[in-house]
Amino acid sequence: MSYWDTSALAKLYVQEADSLAFETHAANAPNISVSETGRLELRAVLRGARQRVH
């Protein structure tokens, strides 16, 4: 099991230079744990990314 913080999770949803490496790791990880705070923070990151696009 691996624990991912918000910055690691965001790489799966917001394209960054090392996103592909994180996607590969996530695809091969049997379990990924995330804190409840991380879920809330990720929502804010995605909301901000969506606003920058529109």
C-alpha atoms as a PDB file:
ATOM      1  CA  MET A   1       0.000   0.000   0.000  1.00  0.00           C
ATOM      2  CA  SER A   2       1.217   3.481  -0.748  1.00  0.00           C
ATOM      3  CA  TYR A   3       0.055   6.805   0.612  1.00  0.00           C
ATOM      4  CA  TRP A   4      -0.355   9.630  -1.879  1.00  0.00           C
ATOM      5  CA  ASP A   5      -0.625  13.271  -0.919  1.00  0.00           C
ATOM      6  CA  THR A   6      -2.524  15.872  -2.914  1.00  0.00           C
ATOM      7  CA  SER A   7       0.393  16.835  -5.139  1.00  0.00           C
ATOM      8  CA  ALA A   8       0.829  13.217  -6.252  1.00  0.00           C
ATOM      9  CA  LEU A   9      -2.890  12.719  -6.883  1.00  0.00           C
ATOM     10  CA  ALA A  10      -3.173  15.950  -8.838  1.00  0.00           C
ATOM     11  CA  LYS A  11      -0.643  14.647 -11.360  1.00  0.00           C
ATOM     12  CA  LEU A  12      -3.230  12.063 -12.404  1.00  0.00           C
ATOM     13  CA  TYR A  13      -5.775  14.761 -13.286  1.00  0.00           C
ATOM     14  CA  VAL A  14      -3.738  17.842 -14.203  1.00  0.00           C
ATOM     15  CA  GLN A  15      -1.064  17.339 -16.860  1.00  0.00           C
ATOM     16  CA  GLU A  16       2.406  18.002 -15.475  1.00  0.00           C
ATOM     17  CA  ALA A  17       5.896  17.058 -16.653  1.00  0.00           C
ATOM     18  CA  ASP A  18       5.992  13.885 -14.555  1.00  0.00           C
ATOM     19  CA  SER A  19       2.311  12.912 -14.826  1.00  0.00           C
ATOM     20  CA  LEU A  20       3.071   9.879 -17.005  1.00  0.00           C
ATOM     21  CA  ALA A  21       5.388   8.424 -14.342  1.00  0.00           C
ATOM     22  CA  PHE A  22       2.669   8.823 -11.709  1.00  0.00           C
ATOM     23  CA  GLU A  23       0.043   7.286 -14.016  1.00  0.00           C
ATOM     24  CA  THR A  24       2.305   4.277 -14.534  1.00  0.00           C
ATOM     25  CA  HIS A  25       2.905   3.924 -10.808  1.00  0.00           C
ATOM     26  CA  ALA A  26      -0.823   4.220 -10.043  1.00  0.00           C
ATOM     27  CA  ALA A  27      -1.672   1.573 -12.643  1.00  0.00           C
ATOM     28  CA  ASN A  28       0.746  -0.863 -10.997  1.00  0.00           C
ATOM     29  CA  ALA A  29      -0.016  -0.036  -7.352  1.00  0.00           C
ATOM     30  CA  PRO A  30      -2.257  -2.591  -5.647  1.00  0.00           C
ATOM     31  CA  ASN A  31      -3.626  -0.025  -3.178  1.00  0.00           C
ATOM     32  CA  ILE A  32      -3.298   3.734  -2.883  1.00  0.00           C
ATOM     33  CA  SER A  33      -4.358   5.473   0.325  1.00  0.00           C
ATOM     34  CA  VAL A  34      -5.476   9.078   0.510  1.00  0.00           C
ATOM     35  CA  SER A  35      -6.430  11.142   3.541  1.00  0.00           C
ATOM     36  CA  GLU A  36      -9.818  12.812   3.751  1.00  0.00           C
ATOM     37  CA  THR A  37      -8.001  16.144   3.761  1.00  0.00           C
ATOM     38  CA  GLY A  38      -6.283  15.116   0.541  1.00  0.00           C
ATOM     39  CA  ARG A  39      -9.628  14.503  -1.107  1.00  0.00           C
ATOM     40  CA  LEU A  40     -10.794  17.997  -0.181  1.00  0.00           C
ATOM     41  CA  GLU A  41      -7.532  19.555  -1.314  1.00  0.00           C
ATOM     42  CA  LEU A  42      -7.734  17.705  -4.632  1.00  0.00           C
ATOM     43  CA  ARG A  43     -11.194  19.143  -5.263  1.00  0.00           C
ATOM     44  CA  ALA A  44      -9.750  22.630  -4.790  1.00  0.00           C
ATOM     45  CA  VAL A  45      -6.827  21.867  -7.142  1.00  0.00           C
ATOM     46  CA  LEU A  46      -9.183  20.564  -9.828  1.00  0.00           C
ATOM     47  CA  ARG A  47     -11.520  23.516  -9.419  1.00  0.00           C
ATOM     48  CA  GLY A  48      -8.572  25.897  -9.844  1.00  0.00           C
ATOM     49  CA  ALA A  49      -7.309  24.019 -12.905  1.00  0.00           C
ATOM     50  CA  ARG A  50     -10.770  24.103 -14.477  1.00  0.00           C
ATOM     51  CA  GLN A  51     -11.024  27.855 -13.897  1.00  0.00           C
ATOM     52  CA  ARG A  52      -7.641  28.430 -15.562  1.00  0.00           C
ATOM     53  CA  VAL A  53      -8.812  26.504 -18.639  1.00  0.00           C
ATOM     54  CA  HIS A  54     -12.111  28.375 -18.998  1.00  0.00           C
END
